[in-house]
Amino acid sequence: MPLTELTTRALASIAAADSVKALEELRVHMLGKSGELTAQLKTLGALPPEERKEKGAALNRVKEELSAALEARKTSLETQELDERLASETIDVTLPATPSMTGSIHPITQVTEELIAIFADFGFQVAEGPEIEDDFHNFTALNIPESHPARQMHDTFYLKGILGDATDNAVAQHAVLRTHTSPVQVRTMQSQTPPIRIIAPGATYRSDSDMTHTPMFHQIEGLVIEKNIHMGHLKGLLHDALGAFFGLEQVPMRFRASFFPFTEPSAEVDIGCKRGRDALVIGEGSDWLEVAGCGMVHPNVLRNCGLDPDEWQGFAFGCGIERLAMLKYNIPDLRTMFAGDVRWLNHYGFRALDIPSLVKGVTA
């Protein structure tokens, strides 16, 4: 092929190349080891000296021309591809930020919602009350005598000032931060006519702080007031509720005799477990673990709330929400729940839309 025709065709092909890849293939075809122009350079050795000199110079000019054209076209194509990529990947900074999971639900909140879902299925309603209480609702109405250690300053946070005045015929009472959610039960019995079936979750306060206690913690207490209620109903309810909470059909459970001023008889609730070096397994093994306290409502408490103990009976139970959270989700240290460490919350927290319900199950 004449050199002029080869040059013209090659320059046209370079100009028509639509990608860097196609351009590289064209370069190999023209200037590679087996390329058309390279093949003509290999024939120079067979030519006479004068003709070899003239044709060699011409071939070198064509090679330089094609190389320059290839480089210019490659730069143009790379610029074009970059422009197209930038156009397709452009971020519009005026648009709202892309939604992302930047928060999570604290295990205390999650367990509280799980317990509410479980007891709601048993017909319980959620009751609430003030966290600043008076002496009557926090102690006296619950049959806690004046000499009881719980009333001492080293167990209870007393606040300056008093609650109640002559305008509402209330007896002036020293204000305290409630030491349990039992005052909610008292207020409910005073304001509602039985039958009553409530749970009372919330924050409580005691002057106590060590590896297993904090000055502020959370409890959930339950109260049932009806006619002909007995301990068998209490045990059956707790068995089914704990089974639903831990995701077990059968929960080894026992009542162990105890004493609380506001219940008679009273019992500690233990569940079966197996203690390992690295984890605690609920529902297996021969060990026992205390999870709650319970008992039949003391007749004095019923009288203090305006109910006739000869007509109405009831039972009550209570447990620490943090303790249940630690058992279920293998949280080793109580204090980390209040440390405010975002890394801890990212590890133990729950998605905001994972709302507990018995339809999908409350066991994670």
Protein backbone atom coordinates (compact mmCIF):
# COMPACT_ATOMS: atom_id res chain seq x y z
CA MET A 1 0.00 0.00 0.00
CA PRO A 2 1.40 3.43 -0.91
CA LEU A 3 2.66 5.36 2.09
CA THR A 4 0.40 8.34 1.38
CA GLU A 5 -2.72 6.16 1.29
CA LEU A 6 -1.65 4.34 4.49
CA THR A 7 -1.15 7.66 6.28
CA THR A 8 -4.48 9.09 5.15
CA ARG A 9 -6.39 5.95 6.17
CA ALA A 10 -4.61 5.74 9.52
CA LEU A 11 -5.29 9.40 10.38
CA ALA A 12 -8.97 8.94 9.49
CA SER A 13 -9.21 5.86 11.69
CA ILE A 14 -7.57 7.73 14.59
CA ALA A 15 -10.00 10.60 14.28
CA ALA A 16 -12.95 8.16 14.21
CA ALA A 17 -11.87 6.18 17.31
CA ASP A 18 -14.61 6.52 19.95
CA SER A 19 -12.82 5.11 23.01
CA VAL A 20 -9.36 4.81 24.52
CA LYS A 21 -9.57 1.06 24.10
CA ALA A 22 -10.35 1.30 20.38
CA LEU A 23 -7.53 3.80 19.97
CA GLU A 24 -5.05 1.43 21.63
CA GLU A 25 -6.09 -1.37 19.29
CA LEU A 26 -5.49 0.97 16.34
CA ARG A 27 -2.02 1.91 17.65
CA VAL A 28 -1.03 -1.75 17.87
CA HIS A 29 -2.39 -2.36 14.38
CA MET A 30 -0.29 0.47 12.92
CA LEU A 31 2.82 0.75 15.12
CA GLY A 32 3.02 -2.53 17.00
CA LYS A 33 5.58 -5.26 16.33
CA SER A 34 3.33 -6.69 13.64
CA GLY A 35 1.83 -3.37 12.57
CA GLU A 36 1.50 -2.11 8.98
CA LEU A 37 4.01 0.69 9.34
CA THR A 38 6.43 -1.53 11.24
CA ALA A 39 6.24 -4.07 8.38
CA GLN A 40 7.31 -1.41 5.91
CA LEU A 41 10.22 -0.37 8.14
CA LYS A 42 11.43 -3.97 8.10
CA THR A 43 11.76 -3.86 4.27
CA LEU A 44 14.31 -1.05 4.32
CA GLY A 45 17.25 -3.46 4.56
CA ALA A 46 16.59 -4.86 1.07
CA LEU A 47 16.62 -1.44 -0.66
CA PRO A 48 19.59 0.32 -2.33
CA PRO A 49 21.35 2.82 -0.03
CA GLU A 50 19.94 5.99 -1.61
CA GLU A 51 16.37 4.65 -1.79
CA ARG A 52 16.67 3.22 1.73
CA LYS A 53 17.69 6.63 3.08
CA GLU A 54 14.81 8.43 1.36
CA LYS A 55 12.11 5.87 2.26
CA GLY A 56 13.39 5.52 5.84
CA ALA A 57 13.08 9.27 6.37
CA ALA A 58 9.55 9.23 4.95
CA LEU A 59 8.50 6.31 7.14
CA ASN A 60 9.90 8.03 10.24
CA ARG A 61 7.93 11.19 9.40
CA VAL A 62 4.73 9.14 9.06
CA LYS A 63 5.47 7.32 12.34
CA GLU A 64 5.96 10.61 14.17
CA GLU A 65 2.79 12.04 12.60
CA LEU A 66 0.71 9.00 13.59
CA SER A 67 2.17 8.92 17.12
CA ALA A 68 1.31 12.60 17.61
CA ALA A 69 -2.21 12.04 16.26
CA LEU A 70 -2.69 9.01 18.57
CA GLU A 71 -1.53 10.97 21.63
CA ALA A 72 -3.76 13.94 20.82
CA ARG A 73 -6.79 11.72 20.25
CA LYS A 74 -6.09 9.80 23.46
CA THR A 75 -6.00 13.02 25.49
CA SER A 76 -9.26 14.13 23.88
CA LEU A 77 -11.00 10.83 24.60
CA GLU A 78 -9.78 10.72 28.24
CA THR A 79 -11.06 14.25 28.80
CA GLN A 80 -14.39 13.34 27.24
CA GLU A 81 -14.75 10.21 29.39
CA LEU A 82 -13.88 12.16 32.54
CA ASP A 83 -16.46 14.83 31.71
CA GLU A 84 -19.12 12.15 31.19
CA ARG A 85 -18.21 10.46 34.47
CA LEU A 86 -18.32 13.73 36.39
CA ALA A 87 -21.70 14.53 34.88
CA SER A 88 -23.14 11.15 35.85
CA GLU A 89 -21.68 11.20 39.40
CA THR A 90 -22.53 14.78 40.27
CA ILE A 91 -23.86 15.28 43.83
CA ASP A 92 -26.51 17.94 44.19
CA VAL A 93 -25.59 19.54 47.53
CA THR A 94 -28.98 21.30 47.64
CA LEU A 95 -30.80 17.97 48.08
CA PRO A 96 -31.66 16.70 51.58
CA ALA A 97 -29.10 14.40 53.18
CA THR A 98 -29.51 10.71 52.48
CA PRO A 99 -31.29 9.07 55.48
CA SER A 100 -29.01 6.82 57.48
CA MET A 101 -29.07 4.93 60.77
CA THR A 102 -27.37 7.39 63.11
CA GLY A 103 -29.21 6.49 66.32
CA SER A 104 -30.34 3.43 68.21
CA ILE A 105 -32.64 2.41 71.04
CA HIS A 106 -31.06 1.89 74.46
CA PRO A 107 -31.39 -1.65 75.86
CA ILE A 108 -33.29 -0.31 78.90
CA THR A 109 -35.91 1.25 76.63
CA GLN A 110 -36.04 -1.85 74.45
CA VAL A 111 -36.56 -4.23 77.39
CA THR A 112 -39.21 -1.93 78.85
CA GLU A 113 -41.12 -2.01 75.57
CA GLU A 114 -40.73 -5.79 75.39
CA LEU A 115 -42.22 -6.21 78.87
CA ILE A 116 -45.07 -3.83 78.09
CA ALA A 117 -45.89 -5.84 74.95
CA ILE A 118 -45.86 -9.11 76.91
CA PHE A 119 -48.05 -7.93 79.79
CA ALA A 120 -50.41 -6.09 77.44
CA ASP A 121 -51.20 -9.50 75.98
CA PHE A 122 -52.27 -10.57 79.49
CA GLY A 123 -54.62 -7.60 79.76
CA PHE A 124 -52.39 -5.25 81.78
CA GLN A 125 -52.43 -1.49 81.39
CA VAL A 126 -49.43 0.79 81.89
CA ALA A 127 -49.69 3.13 84.89
CA GLU A 128 -47.38 6.02 85.71
CA GLY A 129 -46.76 8.24 88.71
CA PRO A 130 -44.50 11.05 89.94
CA GLU A 131 -40.84 10.39 90.61
CA ILE A 132 -40.89 12.88 93.50
CA GLU A 133 -43.11 11.25 96.10
CA ASP A 134 -44.32 11.91 99.63
CA ASP A 135 -43.64 9.75 102.63
CA PHE A 136 -47.15 8.30 102.70
CA HIS A 137 -47.23 6.92 99.15
CA ASN A 138 -43.59 5.77 99.18
CA PHE A 139 -43.53 4.19 102.65
CA THR A 140 -46.55 4.42 104.98
CA ALA A 141 -49.24 3.17 102.59
CA LEU A 142 -47.01 0.22 101.75
CA ASN A 143 -46.90 -0.96 105.38
CA ILE A 144 -43.29 0.14 105.83
CA PRO A 145 -42.90 1.09 109.52
CA GLU A 146 -41.20 4.23 110.80
CA SER A 147 -38.21 2.20 111.99
CA HIS A 148 -37.63 0.40 108.68
CA PRO A 149 -34.04 0.78 107.34
CA ALA A 150 -35.36 1.86 103.91
CA ARG A 151 -36.47 5.15 105.44
CA GLN A 152 -32.97 6.04 106.61
CA MET A 153 -30.95 8.75 104.91
CA HIS A 154 -28.36 6.24 103.69
CA ASP A 155 -30.99 4.46 101.58
CA THR A 156 -33.34 7.25 100.51
CA PHE A 157 -32.84 10.61 98.78
CA TYR A 158 -34.77 13.18 100.84
CA LEU A 159 -35.51 16.54 99.23
CA LYS A 160 -35.73 19.90 100.92
CA GLY A 161 -39.26 21.15 101.41
CA ILE A 162 -42.56 19.38 101.96
CA LEU A 163 -45.47 18.16 99.84
CA GLY A 164 -49.10 18.93 100.62
CA ASP A 165 -50.78 21.88 102.30
CA ALA A 166 -54.03 22.80 104.00
CA THR A 167 -55.77 23.81 100.77
CA ASP A 168 -56.16 20.21 99.64
CA ASN A 169 -56.54 18.73 103.14
CA ALA A 170 -53.27 16.83 102.62
CA VAL A 171 -50.96 16.14 105.48
CA ALA A 172 -47.59 17.76 104.94
CA GLN A 173 -45.09 15.08 103.96
CA HIS A 174 -41.36 15.16 103.39
CA ALA A 175 -40.51 14.82 99.71
CA VAL A 176 -38.38 11.90 98.54
CA LEU A 177 -37.19 10.50 95.26
CA ARG A 178 -39.25 7.33 94.97
CA THR A 179 -37.30 4.25 95.99
CA HIS A 180 -39.52 1.92 93.92
CA THR A 181 -42.48 2.16 91.57
CA SER A 182 -44.83 0.73 94.22
CA PRO A 183 -46.30 4.22 94.92
CA VAL A 184 -47.86 3.96 91.47
CA GLN A 185 -49.73 0.88 92.70
CA VAL A 186 -50.95 2.82 95.76
CA ARG A 187 -52.17 5.74 93.64
CA THR A 188 -53.92 3.35 91.26
CA MET A 189 -55.75 1.54 94.07
CA GLN A 190 -56.79 4.90 95.52
CA SER A 191 -58.12 6.23 92.22
CA GLN A 192 -59.61 3.16 90.51
CA THR A 193 -62.28 0.68 91.45
CA PRO A 194 -61.22 -2.98 91.19
CA PRO A 195 -60.67 -5.16 89.29
CA ILE A 196 -57.22 -3.70 88.62
CA ARG A 197 -54.50 -5.08 86.39
CA ILE A 198 -51.54 -2.73 85.82
CA ILE A 199 -47.81 -2.64 85.31
CA ALA A 200 -45.73 0.34 86.43
CA PRO A 201 -42.36 0.77 84.69
CA GLY A 202 -40.12 3.69 85.52
CA ALA A 203 -37.02 5.18 87.08
CA THR A 204 -36.33 4.77 90.80
CA TYR A 205 -33.65 6.15 93.12
CA ARG A 206 -31.67 4.81 96.07
CA SER A 207 -28.52 6.04 97.75
CA ASP A 208 -26.44 3.09 96.66
CA SER A 209 -23.58 2.81 94.20
CA ASP A 210 -21.19 -0.06 93.49
CA MET A 211 -20.48 -2.65 90.77
CA THR A 212 -24.03 -4.00 90.87
CA HIS A 213 -26.00 -0.91 91.99
CA THR A 214 -26.50 2.60 90.70
CA PRO A 215 -28.21 5.59 92.38
CA MET A 216 -30.79 5.64 89.61
CA PHE A 217 -32.18 2.48 88.05
CA HIS A 218 -35.38 1.19 86.49
CA GLN A 219 -38.06 -1.13 87.78
CA ILE A 220 -41.22 -2.65 86.45
CA GLU A 221 -43.87 -3.68 88.94
CA GLY A 222 -47.18 -5.39 88.40
CA LEU A 223 -50.39 -5.36 90.40
CA VAL A 224 -53.57 -7.41 90.14
CA ILE A 225 -56.55 -6.74 92.41
CA GLU A 226 -59.58 -8.99 91.97
CA LYS A 227 -61.72 -11.40 93.95
CA ASN A 228 -60.45 -14.90 94.74
CA ILE A 229 -56.90 -14.24 93.51
CA HIS A 230 -54.19 -16.53 94.89
CA MET A 231 -50.48 -17.42 94.54
CA GLY A 232 -51.19 -19.98 91.84
CA HIS A 233 -52.38 -17.20 89.52
CA LEU A 234 -49.23 -15.22 90.33
CA LYS A 235 -46.89 -18.12 89.59
CA GLY A 236 -48.64 -19.01 86.35
CA LEU A 237 -48.48 -15.41 85.14
CA LEU A 238 -44.77 -15.03 85.91
CA HIS A 239 -43.95 -18.39 84.32
CA ASP A 240 -45.64 -17.44 81.06
CA ALA A 241 -44.31 -13.87 81.06
CA LEU A 242 -40.71 -14.91 81.69
CA GLY A 243 -41.01 -17.61 79.04
CA ALA A 244 -42.18 -15.05 76.50
CA PHE A 245 -39.41 -12.64 77.50
CA PHE A 246 -36.57 -15.17 77.20
CA GLY A 247 -38.13 -17.02 74.26
CA LEU A 248 -38.61 -20.31 76.11
CA GLU A 249 -41.66 -22.57 76.13
CA GLN A 250 -40.78 -23.97 79.55
CA VAL A 251 -38.90 -21.96 82.17
CA PRO A 252 -37.63 -23.77 85.27
CA MET A 253 -38.94 -21.50 88.04
CA ARG A 254 -39.29 -21.64 91.79
CA PHE A 255 -40.65 -19.43 94.56
CA ARG A 256 -38.33 -18.98 97.53
CA ALA A 257 -39.83 -17.66 100.79
CA SER A 258 -38.86 -14.07 101.57
CA PHE A 259 -40.15 -10.96 103.33
CA PHE A 260 -41.47 -7.66 102.03
CA PRO A 261 -43.52 -5.30 104.23
CA PHE A 262 -46.14 -4.79 101.52
CA THR A 263 -46.83 -8.45 100.66
CA GLU A 264 -47.78 -11.50 102.74
CA PRO A 265 -46.80 -14.17 101.92
CA SER A 266 -43.75 -12.96 100.00
CA ALA A 267 -41.36 -14.79 97.69
CA GLU A 268 -38.25 -14.37 95.59
CA VAL A 269 -38.55 -15.66 92.02
CA ASP A 270 -35.69 -17.85 90.77
CA ILE A 271 -35.27 -19.29 87.28
CA GLY A 272 -33.10 -22.18 86.18
CA CYS A 273 -29.80 -21.43 84.48
CA LYS A 274 -26.40 -22.80 83.59
CA ARG A 275 -23.36 -20.70 84.43
CA GLY A 276 -20.47 -21.00 82.01
CA ARG A 277 -17.09 -19.32 81.86
CA ASP A 278 -18.14 -17.02 79.03
CA ALA A 279 -21.95 -16.89 79.17
CA LEU A 280 -25.04 -17.56 81.21
CA VAL A 281 -27.66 -19.85 79.64
CA ILE A 282 -31.24 -19.31 80.82
CA GLY A 283 -33.56 -22.31 81.06
CA GLU A 284 -30.85 -24.97 81.26
CA GLY A 285 -28.64 -26.45 83.93
CA SER A 286 -29.01 -27.00 87.65
CA ASP A 287 -28.21 -23.50 88.94
CA TRP A 288 -30.75 -20.90 90.03
CA LEU A 289 -30.84 -17.16 89.43
CA GLU A 290 -33.01 -14.60 91.22
CA VAL A 291 -34.93 -12.34 88.82
CA ALA A 292 -37.87 -10.84 90.75
CA GLY A 293 -39.74 -10.46 94.00
CA CYS A 294 -43.46 -11.04 94.49
CA GLY A 295 -46.24 -11.87 96.90
CA MET A 296 -49.87 -11.39 97.87
CA VAL A 297 -50.75 -7.76 98.64
CA HIS A 298 -50.71 -7.24 102.40
CA PRO A 299 -54.16 -6.56 103.93
CA ASN A 300 -52.79 -3.38 105.55
CA VAL A 301 -51.85 -2.03 102.12
CA LEU A 302 -55.38 -2.69 100.86
CA ARG A 303 -56.84 -0.89 103.88
CA ASN A 304 -54.48 2.07 103.45
CA CYS A 305 -55.74 2.41 99.88
CA GLY A 306 -59.42 2.24 100.86
CA LEU A 307 -60.07 -1.38 99.82
CA ASP A 308 -61.69 -4.05 101.98
CA PRO A 309 -59.28 -7.03 102.28
CA ASP A 310 -62.24 -9.30 103.07
CA GLU A 311 -63.64 -8.55 99.61
CA TRP A 312 -60.57 -7.92 97.48
CA GLN A 313 -57.31 -9.79 97.19
CA GLY A 314 -54.37 -9.25 94.91
CA PHE A 315 -50.77 -9.96 94.11
CA ALA A 316 -47.81 -7.80 93.17
CA PHE A 317 -44.42 -8.44 91.63
CA GLY A 318 -41.41 -6.39 90.65
CA CYS A 319 -38.02 -6.71 88.99
CA GLY A 320 -35.15 -4.57 87.79
CA ILE A 321 -35.20 -3.75 84.09
CA GLU A 322 -31.41 -3.41 83.89
CA ARG A 323 -31.01 -6.87 85.42
CA LEU A 324 -33.31 -8.43 82.84
CA ALA A 325 -31.50 -6.60 80.04
CA MET A 326 -28.13 -7.88 81.27
CA LEU A 327 -29.39 -11.47 81.45
CA LYS A 328 -31.08 -11.50 78.07
CA TYR A 329 -28.52 -9.59 76.01
CA ASN A 330 -25.31 -10.72 77.78
CA ILE A 331 -24.36 -7.27 79.06
CA PRO A 332 -21.59 -7.86 81.61
CA ASP A 333 -21.51 -4.56 83.52
CA LEU A 334 -24.43 -2.54 84.87
CA ARG A 335 -22.46 0.72 84.97
CA THR A 336 -21.87 0.82 81.22
CA MET A 337 -25.61 1.38 80.69
CA PHE A 338 -25.22 4.88 82.12
CA ALA A 339 -21.74 5.72 80.82
CA GLY A 340 -22.97 7.49 77.68
CA ASP A 341 -20.47 5.67 75.43
CA VAL A 342 -21.73 5.80 71.84
CA ARG A 343 -19.59 2.79 70.91
CA TRP A 344 -21.34 0.72 73.59
CA LEU A 345 -24.74 1.87 72.37
CA ASN A 346 -23.86 1.06 68.76
CA HIS A 347 -23.01 -2.48 69.90
CA TYR A 348 -25.91 -3.17 72.27
CA GLY A 349 -28.51 -0.77 70.86
CA PHE A 350 -31.54 -1.63 68.73
CA ARG A 351 -32.90 -0.24 65.49
CA ALA A 352 -35.49 2.45 66.04
CA LEU A 353 -38.11 0.61 63.99
CA ASP A 354 -37.64 -2.74 65.79
CA ILE A 355 -40.72 -2.17 67.93
CA PRO A 356 -41.35 -5.21 70.17
CA SER A 357 -44.60 -7.09 69.65
CA LEU A 358 -45.83 -10.60 70.29
CA VAL A 359 -46.75 -10.91 66.61
CA LYS A 360 -43.11 -10.99 65.49
CA GLY A 361 -41.71 -11.99 68.87
CA VAL A 362 -39.75 -10.02 71.45
CA THR A 363 -36.69 -12.27 71.54
CA ALA A 364 -33.72 -10.88 69.61
